[in-house]
């Protein structure tokens, strides 16, 4: 079986403690098609999401955070 996966980075504006960040990760992982989440070690404002775009859209990931009152935005990689 071939699974299409993409990595998406979301910038979280608020300063959050470890418990709050864990709760956000769990909320995003609840979405069908999200494979994993990870908060960047070097920057707790960056949430990395590995997902299957055939099962979940990036807007759904962002909305999952926005519905919890978090100010966040998707980061688009710069073109080389």
C-alpha atoms as a PDB file:
ATOM      1  CA  UNK A   1       0.000   0.000   0.000  1.00  0.00           C
ATOM      2  CA  UNK A   2       1.307   3.431  -0.982  1.00  0.00           C
ATOM      3  CA  UNK A   3       0.651   6.214   1.545  1.00  0.00           C
ATOM      4  CA  UNK A   4       1.109   9.799   0.451  1.00  0.00           C
ATOM      5  CA  UNK A   5       2.588  11.854   3.303  1.00  0.00           C
ATOM      6  CA  UNK A   6       3.464  15.512   3.641  1.00  0.00           C
ATOM      7  CA  UNK A   7       4.989  17.548   6.442  1.00  0.00           C
ATOM      8  CA  UNK A   8       3.296  20.785   7.439  1.00  0.00           C
ATOM      9  CA  UNK A   9       4.637  23.370   9.870  1.00  0.00           C
ATOM     10  CA  UNK A  10       2.291  25.545  11.895  1.00  0.00           C
ATOM     11  CA  UNK A  11       3.440  28.623  13.798  1.00  0.00           C
ATOM     12  CA  UNK A  12       1.673  29.084  17.150  1.00  0.00           C
ATOM     13  CA  UNK A  13       1.685  32.711  18.271  1.00  0.00           C
ATOM     14  CA  UNK A  14       1.015  32.194  21.978  1.00  0.00           C
ATOM     15  CA  UNK A  15       3.583  31.206  24.583  1.00  0.00           C
ATOM     16  CA  UNK A  16       2.393  27.889  25.987  1.00  0.00           C
ATOM     17  CA  UNK A  17       3.625  25.524  28.656  1.00  0.00           C
ATOM     18  CA  UNK A  18       4.398  21.863  27.982  1.00  0.00           C
ATOM     19  CA  UNK A  19       0.945  20.691  29.093  1.00  0.00           C
ATOM     20  CA  UNK A  20      -0.834  23.115  26.749  1.00  0.00           C
ATOM     21  CA  UNK A  21       1.384  22.125  23.826  1.00  0.00           C
ATOM     22  CA  UNK A  22       0.739  18.441  24.534  1.00  0.00           C
ATOM     23  CA  UNK A  23      -3.007  19.094  24.514  1.00  0.00           C
ATOM     24  CA  UNK A  24      -2.772  20.845  21.149  1.00  0.00           C
ATOM     25  CA  UNK A  25      -0.773  17.984  19.673  1.00  0.00           C
ATOM     26  CA  UNK A  26      -3.364  15.490  20.874  1.00  0.00           C
ATOM     27  CA  UNK A  27      -6.177  17.555  19.348  1.00  0.00           C
ATOM     28  CA  UNK A  28      -4.445  17.626  15.967  1.00  0.00           C
ATOM     29  CA  UNK A  29      -3.656  13.894  16.118  1.00  0.00           C
ATOM     30  CA  UNK A  30      -7.400  13.226  16.496  1.00  0.00           C
ATOM     31  CA  UNK A  31      -7.893  14.250  12.869  1.00  0.00           C
ATOM     32  CA  UNK A  32      -8.261  11.337  10.485  1.00  0.00           C
ATOM     33  CA  UNK A  33      -5.190  11.416   8.267  1.00  0.00           C
ATOM     34  CA  UNK A  34      -2.768  12.961  10.762  1.00  0.00           C
ATOM     35  CA  UNK A  35       0.072  10.531  11.289  1.00  0.00           C
ATOM     36  CA  UNK A  36       2.167  12.362  13.880  1.00  0.00           C
ATOM     37  CA  UNK A  37       2.830  15.727  15.500  1.00  0.00           C
ATOM     38  CA  UNK A  38       5.952  17.182  17.050  1.00  0.00           C
ATOM     39  CA  UNK A  39       6.865  20.467  18.718  1.00  0.00           C
ATOM     40  CA  UNK A  40      10.249  21.720  17.497  1.00  0.00           C
ATOM     41  CA  UNK A  41      12.984  21.348  20.114  1.00  0.00           C
ATOM     42  CA  UNK A  42      14.584  24.629  19.074  1.00  0.00           C
ATOM     43  CA  UNK A  43      11.312  26.610  18.924  1.00  0.00           C
ATOM     44  CA  UNK A  44       8.177  25.757  20.949  1.00  0.00           C
ATOM     45  CA  UNK A  45       6.124  27.952  18.599  1.00  0.00           C
ATOM     46  CA  UNK A  46       6.539  25.489  15.727  1.00  0.00           C
ATOM     47  CA  UNK A  47       4.266  22.480  15.443  1.00  0.00           C
ATOM     48  CA  UNK A  48       5.252  19.935  12.797  1.00  0.00           C
ATOM     49  CA  UNK A  49       2.485  17.741  11.465  1.00  0.00           C
ATOM     50  CA  UNK A  50       2.988  14.668   9.298  1.00  0.00           C
ATOM     51  CA  UNK A  51      -0.219  13.928   7.437  1.00  0.00           C
ATOM     52  CA  UNK A  52      -1.826  12.163   4.522  1.00  0.00           C
ATOM     53  CA  UNK A  53      -3.259  14.930   2.280  1.00  0.00           C
ATOM     54  CA  UNK A  54      -5.661  12.442   0.720  1.00  0.00           C
ATOM     55  CA  UNK A  55      -7.378  12.056   4.108  1.00  0.00           C
ATOM     56  CA  UNK A  56      -7.007  15.483   5.744  1.00  0.00           C
ATOM     57  CA  UNK A  57      -6.505  19.014   4.439  1.00  0.00           C
ATOM     58  CA  UNK A  58      -4.141  21.574   5.917  1.00  0.00           C
ATOM     59  CA  UNK A  59      -7.128  23.838   6.626  1.00  0.00           C
ATOM     60  CA  UNK A  60      -8.544  21.173   8.952  1.00  0.00           C
ATOM     61  CA  UNK A  61      -5.272  21.088  10.892  1.00  0.00           C
ATOM     62  CA  UNK A  62      -5.252  24.862  11.243  1.00  0.00           C
ATOM     63  CA  UNK A  63      -8.945  24.975  12.181  1.00  0.00           C
ATOM     64  CA  UNK A  64      -8.385  22.392  14.921  1.00  0.00           C
ATOM     65  CA  UNK A  65      -6.047  24.902  16.574  1.00  0.00           C
ATOM     66  CA  UNK A  66      -8.120  27.999  15.857  1.00  0.00           C
ATOM     67  CA  UNK A  67     -11.206  26.365  17.403  1.00  0.00           C
ATOM     68  CA  UNK A  68      -9.241  26.126  20.645  1.00  0.00           C
ATOM     69  CA  UNK A  69      -8.559  29.861  20.650  1.00  0.00           C
ATOM     70  CA  UNK A  70      -4.983  29.518  19.467  1.00  0.00           C
ATOM     71  CA  UNK A  71      -3.645  32.097  17.033  1.00  0.00           C
ATOM     72  CA  UNK A  72      -1.731  30.113  14.437  1.00  0.00           C
ATOM     73  CA  UNK A  73      -0.788  30.116  10.784  1.00  0.00           C
ATOM     74  CA  UNK A  74       0.565  27.627   8.282  1.00  0.00           C
ATOM     75  CA  UNK A  75       4.138  28.237   7.219  1.00  0.00           C
ATOM     76  CA  UNK A  76       4.894  27.813   3.550  1.00  0.00           C
ATOM     77  CA  UNK A  77       8.420  26.720   2.672  1.00  0.00           C
ATOM     78  CA  UNK A  78      10.376  29.264   0.693  1.00  0.00           C
ATOM     79  CA  UNK A  79      11.121  28.289  -2.849  1.00  0.00           C
ATOM     80  CA  UNK A  80      14.764  27.554  -3.599  1.00  0.00           C
END
